[in-house]
Every structure is written in structure tokens, then in C-alpha cells.
Amino acid sequence: MRVAKRLIVSGRVQGVGFRYFSQETAQRFGIKGWVRNLSDGTVELHVEGTEQEIGAF
């Protein structure tokens, strides 16, 4: 069963290629979704896949 999750990542994640890394990694695990920078310096990810795919991601 496919599920959707919202993840917030903090630390040094904006401006260092984190969104590109997330996209490449998601494609390897069959994850769909999107990533965006938030104004507080965190990054929000909306991911869709099976629990196993999301866990591996």
C-alpha cells in the first residue's frame, strides 16, 4: 500500500545541493513527491511510496 508522508529536515540543507540529492535518492527508491526550501532554513519533503520504500529513502 502506498502512503504519503511530510518530512521536515533541518541543519545545513539549503544551498548545498540537498534538493538535488533528495531527488536522485528518491528516484532510486521509487519515491514520488516534491521538496521545497522553507523560510526558516529547513527543507520540507512530501514523499509518496510504500512504507518500505520511504523507510529505505
PDB file of N, CA and C in Angstrom:
ATOM      1  N   MET A   1       0.837  -1.173   0.000  1.00  0.00           N
ATOM      2  CA  MET A   1       0.000   0.000   0.000  1.00  0.00           C
ATOM      3  C   MET A   1       0.888   1.244   0.000  1.00  0.00           C
ATOM      4  N   ARG A   2       0.544   2.195  -0.866  1.00  0.00           N
ATOM      5  CA  ARG A   2       1.309   3.434  -0.937  1.00  0.00           C
ATOM      6  C   ARG A   2       0.775   4.414   0.100  1.00  0.00           C
ATOM      7  N   VAL A   3       1.694   5.160   0.706  1.00  0.00           N
ATOM      8  CA  VAL A   3       1.343   6.159   1.705  1.00  0.00           C
ATOM      9  C   VAL A   3       2.047   7.463   1.359  1.00  0.00           C
ATOM     10  N   ALA A   4       1.623   8.545   1.972  1.00  0.00           N
ATOM     11  CA  ALA A   4       2.265   9.853   1.812  1.00  0.00           C
ATOM     12  C   ALA A   4       2.742  10.315   3.176  1.00  0.00           C
ATOM     13  N   LYS A   5       3.907  10.944   3.201  1.00  0.00           N
ATOM     14  CA  LYS A   5       4.446  11.482   4.452  1.00  0.00           C
ATOM     15  C   LYS A   5       5.037  12.858   4.193  1.00  0.00           C
ATOM     16  N   ARG A   6       4.979  13.686   5.222  1.00  0.00           N
ATOM     17  CA  ARG A   6       5.595  15.011   5.187  1.00  0.00           C
ATOM     18  C   ARG A   6       6.797  14.969   6.123  1.00  0.00           C
ATOM     19  N   LEU A   7       7.956  15.310   5.603  1.00  0.00           N
ATOM     20  CA  LEU A   7       9.184  15.303   6.389  1.00  0.00           C
ATOM     21  C   LEU A   7       9.768  16.702   6.421  1.00  0.00           C
ATOM     22  N   ILE A   8      10.298  17.103   7.557  1.00  0.00           N
ATOM     23  CA  ILE A   8      10.998  18.379   7.690  1.00  0.00           C
ATOM     24  C   ILE A   8      12.440  18.056   8.070  1.00  0.00           C
ATOM     25  N   VAL A   9      13.375  18.581   7.286  1.00  0.00           N
ATOM     26  CA  VAL A   9      14.789  18.325   7.531  1.00  0.00           C
ATOM     27  C   VAL A   9      15.438  19.640   7.935  1.00  0.00           C
ATOM     28  N   SER A  10      16.227  19.601   8.998  1.00  0.00           N
ATOM     29  CA  SER A  10      16.915  20.810   9.451  1.00  0.00           C
ATOM     30  C   SER A  10      18.412  20.585   9.421  1.00  0.00           C
ATOM     31  N   GLY A  11      19.126  21.641   9.647  1.00  0.00           N
ATOM     32  CA  GLY A  11      20.583  21.593   9.590  1.00  0.00           C
ATOM     33  C   GLY A  11      21.055  22.373   8.385  1.00  0.00           C
ATOM     34  N   ARG A  12      22.173  21.995   7.863  1.00  0.00           N
ATOM     35  CA  ARG A  12      22.721  22.692   6.697  1.00  0.00           C
ATOM     36  C   ARG A  12      22.190  22.028   5.428  1.00  0.00           C
ATOM     37  N   VAL A  13      20.975  22.374   5.054  1.00  0.00           N
ATOM     38  CA  VAL A  13      20.322  21.701   3.937  1.00  0.00           C
ATOM     39  C   VAL A  13      19.931  22.624   2.786  1.00  0.00           C
ATOM     40  N   GLN A  14      19.968  23.924   2.989  1.00  0.00           N
ATOM     41  CA  GLN A  14      19.624  24.836   1.898  1.00  0.00           C
ATOM     42  C   GLN A  14      20.909  25.343   1.246  1.00  0.00           C
ATOM     43  N   GLY A  15      20.910  25.343  -0.077  1.00  0.00           N
ATOM     44  CA  GLY A  15      22.042  25.884  -0.820  1.00  0.00           C
ATOM     45  C   GLY A  15      23.234  24.948  -0.921  1.00  0.00           C
ATOM     46  N   VAL A  16      23.077  23.681  -0.545  1.00  0.00           N
ATOM     47  CA  VAL A  16      24.203  22.746  -0.614  1.00  0.00           C
ATOM     48  C   VAL A  16      23.863  21.522  -1.453  1.00  0.00           C
ATOM     49  N   GLY A  17      22.867  21.620  -2.309  1.00  0.00           N
ATOM     50  CA  GLY A  17      22.507  20.519  -3.185  1.00  0.00           C
ATOM     51  C   GLY A  17      21.621  19.468  -2.544  1.00  0.00           C
ATOM     52  N   PHE A  18      21.022  19.782  -1.392  1.00  0.00           N
ATOM     53  CA  PHE A  18      20.191  18.798  -0.713  1.00  0.00           C
ATOM     54  C   PHE A  18      18.972  18.410  -1.545  1.00  0.00           C
ATOM     55  N   ARG A  19      18.333  19.380  -2.203  1.00  0.00           N
ATOM     56  CA  ARG A  19      17.154  19.061  -3.016  1.00  0.00           C
ATOM     57  C   ARG A  19      17.538  18.131  -4.167  1.00  0.00           C
ATOM     58  N   TYR A  20      18.676  18.393  -4.814  1.00  0.00           N
ATOM     59  CA  TYR A  20      19.139  17.528  -5.898  1.00  0.00           C
ATOM     60  C   TYR A  20      19.435  16.122  -5.368  1.00  0.00           C
ATOM     61  N   PHE A  21      20.135  16.040  -4.245  1.00  0.00           N
ATOM     62  CA  PHE A  21      20.438  14.754  -3.623  1.00  0.00           C
ATOM     63  C   PHE A  21      19.153  13.997  -3.293  1.00  0.00           C
ATOM     64  N   SER A  22      18.162  14.705  -2.750  1.00  0.00           N
ATOM     65  CA  SER A  22      16.880  14.079  -2.405  1.00  0.00           C
ATOM     66  C   SER A  22      16.192  13.531  -3.641  1.00  0.00           C
ATOM     67  N   GLN A  23      16.213  14.288  -4.723  1.00  0.00           N
ATOM     68  CA  GLN A  23      15.569  13.851  -5.963  1.00  0.00           C
ATOM     69  C   GLN A  23      16.246  12.596  -6.511  1.00  0.00           C
ATOM     70  N   GLU A  24      17.543  12.595  -6.565  1.00  0.00           N
ATOM     71  CA  GLU A  24      18.278  11.439  -7.077  1.00  0.00           C
ATOM     72  C   GLU A  24      18.028  10.202  -6.201  1.00  0.00           C
ATOM     73  N   THR A  25      18.048  10.381  -4.905  1.00  0.00           N
ATOM     74  CA  THR A  25      17.832   9.266  -3.983  1.00  0.00           C
ATOM     75  C   THR A  25      16.403   8.746  -4.099  1.00  0.00           C
ATOM     76  N   ALA A  26      15.433   9.643  -4.184  1.00  0.00           N
ATOM     77  CA  ALA A  26      14.033   9.242  -4.307  1.00  0.00           C
ATOM     78  C   ALA A  26      13.811   8.415  -5.569  1.00  0.00           C
ATOM     79  N   GLN A  27      14.426   8.812  -6.658  1.00  0.00           N
ATOM     80  CA  GLN A  27      14.271   8.063  -7.900  1.00  0.00           C
ATOM     81  C   GLN A  27      14.810   6.643  -7.753  1.00  0.00           C
ATOM     82  N   ARG A  28      15.915   6.477  -7.050  1.00  0.00           N
ATOM     83  CA  ARG A  28      16.483   5.137  -6.838  1.00  0.00           C
ATOM     84  C   ARG A  28      15.541   4.241  -6.037  1.00  0.00           C
ATOM     85  N   PHE A  29      14.765   4.818  -5.123  1.00  0.00           N
ATOM     86  CA  PHE A  29      13.881   4.037  -4.258  1.00  0.00           C
ATOM     87  C   PHE A  29      12.430   4.020  -4.727  1.00  0.00           C
ATOM     88  N   GLY A  30      12.131   4.627  -5.872  1.00  0.00           N
ATOM     89  CA  GLY A  30      10.768   4.622  -6.391  1.00  0.00           C
ATOM     90  C   GLY A  30       9.824   5.564  -5.672  1.00  0.00           C
ATOM     91  N   ILE A  31      10.374   6.585  -5.025  1.00  0.00           N
ATOM     92  CA  ILE A  31       9.582   7.565  -4.274  1.00  0.00           C
ATOM     93  C   ILE A  31       9.134   8.689  -5.211  1.00  0.00           C
ATOM     94  N   LYS A  32       7.903   9.126  -5.047  1.00  0.00           N
ATOM     95  CA  LYS A  32       7.368  10.298  -5.755  1.00  0.00           C
ATOM     96  C   LYS A  32       7.161  11.407  -4.736  1.00  0.00           C
ATOM     97  N   GLY A  33       7.078  12.652  -5.207  1.00  0.00           N
ATOM     98  CA  GLY A  33       6.794  13.759  -4.305  1.00  0.00           C
ATOM     99  C   GLY A  33       7.496  15.030  -4.722  1.00  0.00           C
ATOM    100  N   TRP A  34       7.732  15.886  -3.742  1.00  0.00           N
ATOM    101  CA  TRP A  34       8.390  17.166  -4.013  1.00  0.00           C
ATOM    102  C   TRP A  34       9.175  17.612  -2.796  1.00  0.00           C
ATOM    103  N   VAL A  35      10.057  18.588  -3.040  1.00  0.00           N
ATOM    104  CA  VAL A  35      10.924  19.145  -1.994  1.00  0.00           C
ATOM    105  C   VAL A  35      10.919  20.654  -2.153  1.00  0.00           C
ATOM    106  N   ARG A  36      10.887  21.373  -1.014  1.00  0.00           N
ATOM    107  CA  ARG A  36      10.980  22.833  -1.111  1.00  0.00           C
ATOM    108  C   ARG A  36      11.678  23.397   0.122  1.00  0.00           C
ATOM    109  N   ASN A  37      12.377  24.505  -0.103  1.00  0.00           N
ATOM    110  CA  ASN A  37      13.006  25.235   0.990  1.00  0.00           C
ATOM    111  C   ASN A  37      11.935  26.028   1.728  1.00  0.00           C
ATOM    112  N   LEU A  38      12.026  26.074   3.048  1.00  0.00           N
ATOM    113  CA  LEU A  38      11.125  26.883   3.859  1.00  0.00           C
ATOM    114  C   LEU A  38      11.871  28.109   4.369  1.00  0.00           C
ATOM    115  N   SER A  39      11.129  29.124   4.737  1.00  0.00           N
ATOM    116  CA  SER A  39      11.731  30.407   5.121  1.00  0.00           C
ATOM    117  C   SER A  39      12.555  30.336   6.403  1.00  0.00           C
ATOM    118  N   ASP A  40      12.341  29.305   7.227  1.00  0.00           N
ATOM    119  CA  ASP A  40      13.103  29.189   8.475  1.00  0.00           C
ATOM    120  C   ASP A  40      14.424  28.434   8.310  1.00  0.00           C
ATOM    121  N   GLY A  41      14.773  28.085   7.052  1.00  0.00           N
ATOM    122  CA  GLY A  41      16.032  27.397   6.790  1.00  0.00           C
ATOM    123  C   GLY A  41      15.921  25.886   6.737  1.00  0.00           C
ATOM    124  N   THR A  42      14.740  25.359   7.002  1.00  0.00           N
ATOM    125  CA  THR A  42      14.534  23.916   6.897  1.00  0.00           C
ATOM    126  C   THR A  42      14.083  23.574   5.478  1.00  0.00           C
ATOM    127  N   VAL A  43      14.008  22.285   5.190  1.00  0.00           N
ATOM    128  CA  VAL A  43      13.523  21.810   3.901  1.00  0.00           C
ATOM    129  C   VAL A  43      12.355  20.866   4.154  1.00  0.00           C
ATOM    130  N   GLU A  44      11.275  21.057   3.413  1.00  0.00           N
ATOM    131  CA  GLU A  44      10.088  20.212   3.525  1.00  0.00           C
ATOM    132  C   GLU A  44      10.078  19.221   2.367  1.00  0.00           C
ATOM    133  N   LEU A  45       9.827  17.958   2.684  1.00  0.00           N
ATOM    134  CA  LEU A  45       9.695  16.915   1.682  1.00  0.00           C
ATOM    135  C   LEU A  45       8.304  16.308   1.803  1.00  0.00           C
ATOM    136  N   HIS A  46       7.629  16.146   0.686  1.00  0.00           N
ATOM    137  CA  HIS A  46       6.380  15.396   0.616  1.00  0.00           C
ATOM    138  C   HIS A  46       6.726  14.157  -0.185  1.00  0.00           C
ATOM    139  N   VAL A  47       6.672  12.990   0.450  1.00  0.00           N
ATOM    140  CA  VAL A  47       7.080  11.753  -0.213  1.00  0.00           C
ATOM    141  C   VAL A  47       5.917  10.773  -0.271  1.00  0.00           C
ATOM    142  N   GLU A  48       5.846  10.026  -1.360  1.00  0.00           N
ATOM    143  CA  GLU A  48       4.809   9.027  -1.558  1.00  0.00           C
ATOM    144  C   GLU A  48       5.461   7.734  -2.017  1.00  0.00           C
ATOM    145  N   GLY A  49       5.097   6.648  -1.362  1.00  0.00           N
ATOM    146  CA  GLY A  49       5.619   5.329  -1.702  1.00  0.00           C
ATOM    147  C   GLY A  49       5.129   4.341  -0.669  1.00  0.00           C
ATOM    148  N   THR A  50       5.638   3.132  -0.737  1.00  0.00           N
ATOM    149  CA  THR A  50       5.284   2.161   0.287  1.00  0.00           C
ATOM    150  C   THR A  50       6.060   2.500   1.560  1.00  0.00           C
ATOM    151  N   GLU A  51       5.612   1.955   2.681  1.00  0.00           N
ATOM    152  CA  GLU A  51       6.339   2.167   3.944  1.00  0.00           C
ATOM    153  C   GLU A  51       7.791   1.712   3.803  1.00  0.00           C
ATOM    154  N   GLN A  52       8.000   0.600   3.111  1.00  0.00           N
ATOM    155  CA  GLN A  52       9.344   0.066   2.925  1.00  0.00           C
ATOM    156  C   GLN A  52      10.196   1.002   2.074  1.00  0.00           C
ATOM    157  N   GLU A  53       9.651   1.538   0.977  1.00  0.00           N
ATOM    158  CA  GLU A  53      10.389   2.459   0.114  1.00  0.00           C
ATOM    159  C   GLU A  53      10.750   3.731   0.882  1.00  0.00           C
ATOM    160  N   ILE A  54       9.782   4.276   1.616  1.00  0.00           N
ATOM    161  CA  ILE A  54      10.029   5.509   2.363  1.00  0.00           C
ATOM    162  C   ILE A  54      11.057   5.255   3.464  1.00  0.00           C
ATOM    163  N   GLY A  55      10.963   4.114   4.130  1.00  0.00           N
ATOM    164  CA  GLY A  55      11.935   3.779   5.147  1.00  0.00           C
ATOM    165  C   GLY A  55      13.349   3.678   4.586  1.00  0.00           C
ATOM    166  N   ALA A  56      13.490   3.094   3.411  1.00  0.00           N
ATOM    167  CA  ALA A  56      14.809   2.969   2.771  1.00  0.00           C
ATOM    168  C   ALA A  56      15.311   4.332   2.308  1.00  0.00           C
ATOM    169  N   PHE A  57      14.398   5.175   1.848  1.00  0.00           N
ATOM    170  CA  PHE A  57      14.754   6.518   1.391  1.00  0.00           C
ATOM    171  C   PHE A  57      15.356   7.319   2.517  1.00  0.00           C
TER     172      PHE A  57
END
